[in-house]
Protein backbone atom coordinates (compact mmCIF):
# COMPACT_ATOMS: atom_id res chain seq x y z
CA MET A 1 -33.94 18.43 -21.82
CA LYS A 2 -35.60 21.83 -21.76
CA ARG A 3 -34.11 24.61 -23.78
CA TRP A 4 -33.16 26.76 -20.79
CA MET A 5 -31.45 23.79 -19.20
CA ARG A 6 -29.43 23.17 -22.36
CA LEU A 7 -28.40 26.81 -22.49
CA GLY A 8 -27.37 26.76 -18.84
CA LEU A 9 -25.40 23.56 -19.35
CA TRP A 10 -23.50 24.97 -22.31
CA ALA A 11 -22.86 28.25 -20.50
CA TYR A 12 -21.38 26.23 -17.63
CA ALA A 13 -19.24 24.19 -20.04
CA LEU A 14 -17.98 27.37 -21.70
CA ILE A 15 -17.09 29.02 -18.38
CA VAL A 16 -15.16 26.01 -17.05
CA THR A 17 -13.40 25.43 -20.36
CA SER A 18 -12.38 29.08 -20.51
CA PHE A 19 -11.10 28.93 -16.93
CA TYR A 20 -8.70 26.07 -17.67
CA VAL A 21 -7.66 27.50 -21.03
CA ARG A 22 -6.71 30.72 -19.27
CA LEU A 23 -4.83 28.84 -16.56
CA LEU A 24 -2.92 26.90 -19.19
CA ALA A 25 -2.13 30.05 -21.19
CA ARG A 26 -0.91 31.81 -18.04
CA PHE A 27 1.25 28.83 -17.11
CA GLN A 28 2.80 28.61 -20.58
CA ARG A 29 3.35 32.37 -20.70
CA GLN A 30 5.08 32.29 -17.36
CA GLU A 31 7.25 29.37 -18.42
CA HIS A 32 8.24 31.30 -21.56
CA ARG A 33 8.84 34.68 -19.92
CA THR A 34 10.62 33.57 -16.76
CA SER A 35 13.92 31.88 -17.30
CA PRO A 36 14.73 29.31 -14.61
CA VAL A 37 17.43 30.25 -12.15
CA ALA A 38 20.42 28.57 -13.73
CA LEU A 39 23.10 26.63 -11.87
CA THR A 40 26.01 29.02 -12.36
CA PRO A 41 29.45 27.39 -12.81
CA ALA A 42 31.83 28.37 -10.01
CA ALA A 43 34.54 29.27 -12.52
CA LEU A 44 32.42 32.20 -13.71
CA VAL A 45 32.12 33.76 -10.26
CA SER A 46 34.48 36.17 -8.53
CA THR A 47 34.54 35.36 -4.82
CA SER A 48 35.19 39.02 -4.00
CA GLU A 49 31.68 39.85 -5.25
CA MET A 50 29.91 37.37 -3.00
CA PRO A 51 28.35 38.76 0.21
CA ARG A 52 28.20 36.76 3.42
CA ILE A 53 25.01 34.67 3.67
CA SER A 54 23.37 33.35 6.82
CA VAL A 55 21.27 30.26 6.13
CA ILE A 56 18.59 29.77 8.81
CA VAL A 57 16.80 26.44 9.19
CA PRO A 58 13.94 26.11 11.71
CA ALA A 59 13.50 22.49 12.81
CA ARG A 60 10.79 20.99 14.99
CA ASP A 61 10.49 17.19 15.04
CA GLU A 62 12.34 16.83 11.73
CA GLU A 63 14.19 13.55 12.34
CA ARG A 64 13.20 12.29 8.88
CA ASN A 65 14.63 15.30 7.03
CA ILE A 66 17.15 17.32 8.99
CA LYS A 67 20.29 15.30 8.25
CA ASP A 68 19.84 15.40 4.47
CA CYS A 69 18.95 19.09 4.55
CA VAL A 70 21.92 20.21 6.66
CA GLU A 71 24.41 18.05 4.77
CA SER A 72 23.25 19.54 1.47
CA LEU A 73 23.74 23.03 2.95
CA LEU A 74 27.21 22.23 4.30
CA THR A 75 28.35 21.11 0.83
CA GLN A 76 27.47 24.37 -0.91
CA ASP A 77 30.26 25.68 -3.13
CA TYR A 78 29.62 29.21 -1.91
CA PRO A 79 32.73 30.88 -0.39
CA ASN A 80 31.26 32.87 2.49
CA TYR A 81 28.28 31.57 4.43
CA GLU A 82 27.09 30.06 7.71
CA VAL A 83 24.31 27.60 8.55
CA ILE A 84 22.21 28.22 11.66
CA VAL A 85 19.79 25.47 12.68
CA VAL A 86 17.19 26.38 15.27
CA ASP A 87 15.90 23.30 17.10
CA ASP A 88 12.44 24.40 18.14
CA ALA A 89 11.77 22.23 21.23
CA SER A 90 11.84 19.00 19.23
CA THR A 91 10.51 15.91 20.96
CA ASP A 92 11.96 13.34 18.56
CA ALA A 93 15.55 12.49 17.58
CA THR A 94 16.21 15.86 15.91
CA PRO A 95 18.54 17.16 18.70
CA ASP A 96 20.61 13.95 18.61
CA ILE A 97 20.96 14.11 14.83
CA LEU A 98 22.04 17.74 15.05
CA ALA A 99 24.62 16.85 17.69
CA ASP A 100 26.06 14.20 15.35
CA LEU A 101 26.16 16.72 12.52
CA LEU A 102 28.05 19.20 14.69
CA ALA A 103 30.68 16.52 15.36
CA SER A 104 30.98 15.52 11.71
CA PRO A 105 34.03 16.49 9.59
CA ARG A 106 31.91 18.80 7.41
CA ALA A 107 31.05 20.96 10.43
CA ARG A 108 34.55 21.27 11.86
CA ASN A 109 35.20 24.53 10.04
CA GLY A 110 32.69 26.22 12.33
CA ARG A 111 30.21 26.82 9.52
CA LEU A 112 27.38 25.02 11.33
CA GLN A 113 25.74 26.49 14.42
CA VAL A 114 22.89 24.84 16.32
CA THR A 115 20.75 26.63 18.88
CA HIS A 116 17.93 25.14 20.93
CA VAL A 117 14.63 26.83 21.80
CA GLY A 118 13.26 25.46 25.07
CA PHE A 119 9.83 27.08 25.04
CA LEU A 120 7.67 29.37 22.97
CA PRO A 121 7.05 32.86 24.39
CA GLU A 122 3.49 34.10 24.62
CA GLY A 123 2.23 35.87 21.51
CA TRP A 124 4.44 33.97 19.07
CA ALA A 125 3.84 31.18 16.57
CA GLY A 126 6.52 28.52 16.51
CA LYS A 127 8.13 29.02 13.11
CA PRO A 128 8.35 32.85 13.18
CA HIS A 129 9.96 32.61 16.61
CA ALA A 130 12.51 30.07 15.36
CA LEU A 131 13.29 32.23 12.32
CA HIS A 132 13.64 35.29 14.55
CA THR A 133 15.98 33.37 16.86
CA GLY A 134 18.18 32.39 13.93
CA ALA A 135 18.18 35.91 12.50
CA GLN A 136 19.42 37.30 15.80
CA LEU A 137 22.48 35.04 15.59
CA ALA A 138 23.12 35.72 11.90
CA THR A 139 26.16 37.67 10.70
CA GLY A 140 25.36 37.74 6.97
CA ALA A 141 24.39 40.65 4.72
CA TRP A 142 21.68 38.34 3.31
CA LEU A 143 19.48 35.87 5.15
CA LEU A 144 18.29 32.64 3.56
CA PHE A 145 15.30 31.11 5.30
CA THR A 146 14.81 27.50 4.24
CA ASP A 147 12.80 24.56 5.54
CA ALA A 148 14.17 21.38 7.08
CA ASP A 149 12.50 19.20 4.43
CA THR A 150 14.57 20.70 1.59
CA HIS A 151 17.64 19.43 -0.26
CA HIS A 152 19.91 21.89 -2.04
CA ALA A 153 22.14 21.38 -5.06
CA PRO A 154 25.79 22.34 -4.37
CA ALA A 155 25.46 25.44 -6.57
CA ALA A 156 22.05 26.49 -5.20
CA LEU A 157 23.19 29.25 -2.86
CA ARG A 158 25.68 30.75 -5.30
CA SER A 159 23.22 30.69 -8.19
CA ALA A 160 20.42 32.29 -6.17
CA VAL A 161 22.63 35.04 -4.75
CA LEU A 162 24.00 35.90 -8.17
CA ARG A 163 20.51 36.11 -9.68
CA ALA A 164 19.22 38.22 -6.78
CA GLN A 165 22.13 40.64 -7.17
CA GLU A 166 21.82 40.73 -10.93
CA ASP A 167 18.11 41.59 -10.70
CA SER A 168 18.65 44.07 -7.82
CA VAL A 169 15.91 42.62 -5.63
CA ASP A 170 15.43 42.82 -1.88
CA LEU A 171 13.62 39.50 -1.54
CA PHE A 172 14.32 36.56 -3.82
CA SER A 173 12.37 33.33 -3.63
CA ILE A 174 12.08 30.27 -5.83
CA ILE A 175 9.57 27.59 -6.72
CA THR A 176 11.28 24.38 -5.67
CA ALA A 177 11.04 20.92 -7.19
CA GLN A 178 8.65 18.62 -5.36
CA ASP A 179 9.53 15.06 -4.40
CA LEU A 180 6.24 13.22 -4.92
CA PRO A 181 6.90 9.49 -4.64
CA ASP A 182 3.55 8.59 -3.07
CA PHE A 183 0.07 8.41 -4.57
CA TRP A 184 -1.56 11.10 -2.41
CA GLY A 185 1.13 13.66 -3.10
CA ARG A 186 0.62 13.20 -6.84
CA VAL A 187 -3.14 13.56 -6.39
CA ILE A 188 -3.32 16.58 -4.07
CA ILE A 189 -0.25 18.74 -4.80
CA PRO A 190 -1.36 19.62 -8.39
CA ILE A 191 -4.70 20.86 -7.02
CA ALA A 192 -2.88 23.00 -4.46
CA ALA A 193 -0.56 24.32 -7.19
CA MET A 194 -3.58 25.17 -9.35
CA GLY A 195 -5.18 27.11 -6.51
CA ILE A 196 -2.02 29.03 -5.67
CA SER A 197 -1.39 30.01 -9.31
CA ALA A 198 -5.03 31.09 -9.71
CA LEU A 199 -5.12 33.18 -6.53
CA TYR A 200 -1.55 34.50 -6.81
CA PRO A 201 -0.73 35.00 -10.51
CA PRO A 202 3.09 35.04 -10.84
CA ASP A 203 2.99 38.06 -13.16
CA ARG A 204 1.31 40.13 -10.46
CA VAL A 205 3.53 38.78 -7.69
CA ASN A 206 6.64 39.91 -9.59
CA ASP A 207 5.09 43.22 -10.66
CA PRO A 208 6.43 46.00 -8.39
CA THR A 209 3.31 48.09 -9.08
CA SER A 210 0.99 45.34 -7.82
CA GLU A 211 0.21 44.88 -4.13
CA MET A 212 0.05 41.09 -4.53
CA ALA A 213 2.96 39.37 -2.81
CA LEU A 214 3.98 35.77 -2.32
CA ALA A 215 7.19 33.97 -1.41
CA ASN A 216 8.13 30.34 -0.84
CA GLY A 217 9.45 29.64 2.64
CA GLN A 218 11.29 26.60 1.31
CA PHE A 219 13.83 29.06 -0.15
CA LEU A 220 13.46 32.72 0.79
CA LEU A 221 16.51 34.96 0.39
CA ILE A 222 16.24 38.50 1.78
CA ARG A 223 18.65 41.38 2.26
CA ARG A 224 19.43 41.86 5.95
CA GLU A 225 18.80 45.58 5.58
CA MET A 226 15.30 44.99 4.21
CA TYR A 227 14.52 42.36 6.83
CA GLU A 228 15.38 44.81 9.60
CA ARG A 229 13.53 47.66 7.89
CA VAL A 230 10.22 45.78 8.09
CA GLY A 231 10.90 44.73 11.67
CA GLY A 232 11.67 41.11 10.90
CA TYR A 233 9.65 38.33 12.44
CA ALA A 234 9.58 40.23 15.72
CA SER A 235 7.15 42.75 14.25
CA PRO A 236 3.60 42.56 15.66
CA ARG A 237 2.21 41.46 12.28
CA LEU A 238 4.68 38.64 11.71
CA ARG A 239 5.43 37.14 15.11
CA ALA A 240 2.17 35.16 15.24
CA THR A 241 1.65 34.43 11.55
CA LEU A 242 1.10 30.90 10.28
CA LEU A 243 2.01 32.04 6.76
CA ASP A 244 5.46 33.41 7.49
CA ASP A 245 6.65 33.47 3.88
CA ARG A 246 3.61 35.14 2.31
CA ASP A 247 3.31 37.71 5.08
CA LEU A 248 7.01 38.63 5.02
CA ALA A 249 6.74 39.14 1.26
CA GLN A 250 3.75 41.44 1.80
CA GLU A 251 5.69 43.49 4.33
CA VAL A 252 8.59 43.87 1.89
CA LYS A 253 6.28 45.05 -0.90
CA HIS A 254 4.47 47.47 1.40
CA ALA A 255 7.87 48.91 2.36
CA GLY A 256 8.69 49.55 -1.30
CA GLY A 257 11.07 46.62 -1.66
CA ARG A 258 11.50 44.73 -4.91
CA MET A 259 10.91 40.98 -4.96
CA GLU A 260 10.99 38.05 -7.34
CA LEU A 261 9.50 34.56 -7.27
CA LEU A 262 11.13 32.44 -9.98
CA ASP A 263 11.52 28.85 -11.10
CA GLY A 264 14.34 27.30 -9.09
CA ARG A 265 13.59 23.62 -9.49
CA ASP A 266 17.20 22.91 -10.48
CA LEU A 267 18.39 24.48 -7.22
CA THR A 268 16.28 22.99 -4.47
CA ARG A 269 13.80 20.19 -4.00
CA THR A 270 11.48 19.41 -1.11
CA HIS A 271 9.30 16.64 0.22
CA MET A 272 6.54 18.48 2.04
CA TYR A 273 4.10 15.83 3.26
CA ARG A 274 3.90 12.06 3.35
CA GLY A 275 0.56 10.32 3.03
CA LEU A 276 -3.01 11.56 3.06
CA ARG A 277 -3.05 12.46 6.76
CA GLU A 278 -0.08 14.84 6.48
CA GLN A 279 -1.46 16.35 3.27
CA TRP A 280 -4.79 16.96 5.00
CA ALA A 281 -3.24 18.51 8.11
CA GLY A 282 -0.69 20.63 6.25
CA TRP A 283 -3.05 22.14 3.70
CA SER A 284 -5.79 22.62 6.31
CA LYS A 285 -3.36 24.87 8.19
CA ASN A 286 -2.61 27.02 5.15
CA ALA A 287 -5.84 27.08 3.14
CA TYR A 288 -8.01 29.43 5.19
CA LEU A 289 -5.27 31.92 5.93
CA GLY A 290 -3.91 31.77 2.39
CA SER A 291 -7.07 33.06 0.75
CA PRO A 292 -6.26 36.59 -0.48
CA GLY A 293 -9.97 37.44 -0.67
CA GLY A 294 -10.68 36.60 2.96
CA LEU A 295 -14.12 35.54 4.13
CA ALA A 296 -15.96 36.81 1.05
CA LEU A 297 -13.99 34.65 -1.37
CA PHE A 298 -13.81 31.42 0.58
CA PRO A 299 -17.38 30.13 0.02
CA PHE A 300 -16.88 30.59 -3.73
CA LEU A 301 -13.75 28.45 -3.55
CA ILE A 302 -15.57 25.70 -1.69
CA VAL A 303 -18.41 25.66 -4.23
CA GLY A 304 -16.33 26.50 -7.28
CA LEU A 305 -13.66 23.82 -6.98
CA PRO A 306 -15.99 20.82 -7.35
CA LEU A 307 -18.01 22.61 -10.02
CA ALA A 308 -14.87 23.28 -12.03
CA SER A 309 -12.97 20.06 -11.36
CA VAL A 310 -15.37 17.23 -10.47
CA LEU A 311 -18.63 17.95 -12.31
CA PRO A 312 -17.17 17.96 -15.87
CA PHE A 313 -15.99 14.36 -15.51
CA ALA A 314 -19.33 13.35 -13.97
CA LEU A 315 -21.31 14.97 -16.80
CA ALA A 316 -19.19 13.29 -19.46
CA LEU A 317 -19.63 9.86 -17.86
CA LEU A 318 -23.34 10.42 -17.24
CA GLY A 319 -23.90 11.49 -20.84
CA VAL A 320 -22.18 8.37 -22.15
CA ALA A 321 -24.07 6.12 -19.74
CA ARG A 322 -27.43 7.64 -20.68
CA ARG A 323 -26.54 7.90 -24.36
CA GLN A 324 -27.17 11.64 -24.37
CA PRO A 325 -24.61 13.15 -26.77
CA GLY A 326 -25.34 16.73 -25.73
CA LEU A 327 -24.74 16.01 -22.07
CA ALA A 328 -21.62 13.99 -22.84
CA LEU A 329 -20.22 16.75 -25.04
CA ALA A 330 -20.97 19.44 -22.43
CA GLY A 331 -18.87 17.46 -19.99
CA ALA A 332 -16.21 16.45 -22.51
CA ALA A 333 -15.30 20.02 -23.52
CA PRO A 334 -14.19 21.19 -20.04
CA THR A 335 -12.72 17.75 -19.33
CA ALA A 336 -10.48 18.13 -22.39
CA ALA A 337 -9.34 21.54 -21.13
CA ILE A 338 -8.63 20.05 -17.70
CA ILE A 339 -6.57 17.27 -19.24
CA ALA A 340 -4.56 19.77 -21.31
CA TYR A 341 -3.85 21.88 -18.23
CA ARG A 342 -3.01 18.92 -16.02
CA THR A 343 -0.69 17.51 -18.68
CA ALA A 344 1.41 20.68 -18.45
CA ILE A 345 1.29 20.79 -14.64
CA ASN A 346 2.11 17.09 -14.27
CA ARG A 347 5.09 17.50 -16.56
CA SER A 348 6.42 20.44 -14.54
CA LEU A 349 5.99 18.50 -11.27
CA GLY A 350 7.46 15.28 -12.64
CA ILE A 351 4.19 13.38 -12.18
CA PRO A 352 3.26 10.57 -14.62
CA TRP A 353 0.65 11.61 -17.17
CA ARG A 354 -1.91 9.04 -16.02
CA TYR A 355 -2.51 11.08 -12.88
CA VAL A 356 -4.55 13.56 -14.92
CA TRP A 357 -7.45 11.19 -14.27
CA THR A 358 -7.14 11.75 -10.52
CA HIS A 359 -8.03 15.43 -10.93
CA PRO A 360 -11.63 15.03 -9.66
CA LEU A 361 -10.44 12.92 -6.72
CA GLY A 362 -7.84 15.50 -5.73
CA ALA A 363 -10.39 18.31 -6.11
CA ALA A 364 -12.93 16.48 -3.96
CA ILE A 365 -10.37 15.94 -1.19
CA PHE A 366 -9.19 19.53 -1.37
CA THR A 367 -12.78 20.75 -1.17
CA GLY A 368 -12.99 18.90 2.13
CA ILE A 369 -9.76 20.54 3.24
CA LEU A 370 -11.12 23.98 2.33
CA ALA A 371 -14.42 23.40 4.08
CA ARG A 372 -12.76 22.14 7.26
CA SER A 373 -10.24 24.98 7.29
CA TYR A 374 -12.96 27.57 6.71
CA TRP A 375 -15.17 26.16 9.45
CA ARG A 376 -12.30 26.21 11.91
CA GLY A 377 -11.63 29.83 11.05
CA LEU A 378 -15.27 30.87 11.41
CA THR A 379 -15.78 29.15 14.74
CA GLY A 380 -12.42 30.03 16.25
CA TRP A 381 -11.35 26.42 16.60
CA THR A 382 -7.67 25.78 16.93
CA VAL A 383 -5.39 24.57 14.15
CA PRO A 384 -3.06 21.79 15.36
CA TRP A 385 0.45 21.86 13.92
CA ARG A 386 3.71 20.28 15.06
CA GLY A 387 2.32 19.42 18.48
CA ARG A 388 1.00 22.94 19.10
CA SER A 389 -2.41 24.52 18.66
CA TYR A 390 -3.12 27.92 17.12
CA ALA A 391 -6.37 29.86 17.25
CA VAL A 392 -7.25 31.27 13.84
CA SER A 393 -9.46 34.33 14.15
CA GLU A 394 -9.21 36.09 10.80
CA PRO A 395 -7.30 35.59 7.52
CA HIS A 396 -3.97 37.42 7.48
CA LEU A 397 -4.09 38.04 11.25
CA PRO A 398 -3.51 34.69 12.97
CA THR A 399 -2.89 34.72 16.70
CA PRO A 400 -1.60 31.77 18.67
CA SER A 401 -3.50 30.17 21.48
CA PRO A 402 -1.76 29.47 24.81
CA LEU A 403 0.94 26.93 24.24
CA GLU A 404 2.02 24.12 26.43
CA GLU A 405 5.79 24.01 26.16
CA GLY A 406 7.60 25.77 28.98
CA GLU A 407 4.54 27.63 30.20
């Protein structure tokens, strides 16, 4: 191997190794600095200090999840709250399940309210419209937006509200625990988590002096006053967004509001996608729009992910196969850093350690997701989601295409 090639190979190995070492250090620092949102015992809480909370759940074709989600919300040990489920023109058994829940003993106190959306008005994306519909019916001083595929511990609402009040924030969101029982979830979700943490460092998200903002729509608690100050989901910027949580967080920061994104895995868990097809469709919807660097950054992500996550393993194996110690070592150094990082991530996600070896597979699949999402954005193709199609014209400014329901 020529000298310049050896130098280039070792420079590459150093860059990739440093990248994962920094990611690991950032992850460990965040784990150390940010205390998880604790499950606060009810005996320590004065009910007179607890504001009324309106929990809003948008649901479109959620027959697999909605019953478990709503039941977990109806068994909260919080003294003063309501649950508003917005059935967004579901075509499956979701309306029937909601009707059964309304007739159940847990809902007889009037805490549960279900409203049905028959069609989607022009200029809206489905989820922002459902969230807006729920917010219009809400009577709480705080709004909790949560997804239909979540399950909440009985103390989740009380613990989150107490922490939000204690920290004097306007928007409070948590990182939820992920239910990952299937192979593809364990392969792809850690890659997605790596990308999110790299593009949206938690320290900057929680820094009030930084413009970077991110929230998790699986559990997003916001003061009603702040929600109305930014115009809510009816504002021109938010009504058509496909990234409702991130964009609402940006609006709150731009308005001078204070926000936090903390570890709440003891409070809420979620099962986002099932199987490779749902993983592919779900992350394809979010990847292009979620890039904070827009068009300029995206090609680097498509090239950089396989270089940083697939090539090190290939070099190590190739060096061993060809009996070239230098090549093997150049691949082994970044591979060791990857394994160290993935060990920490797998532990936090509850994934068995052996899945560290699927890192190149997950990265290769996610590269395909990024490339497909980017191409759709460049060419103006539509993004299918929940039986609807959305035209994606530019990151951060998604606009829906004409929709079929009720039009």
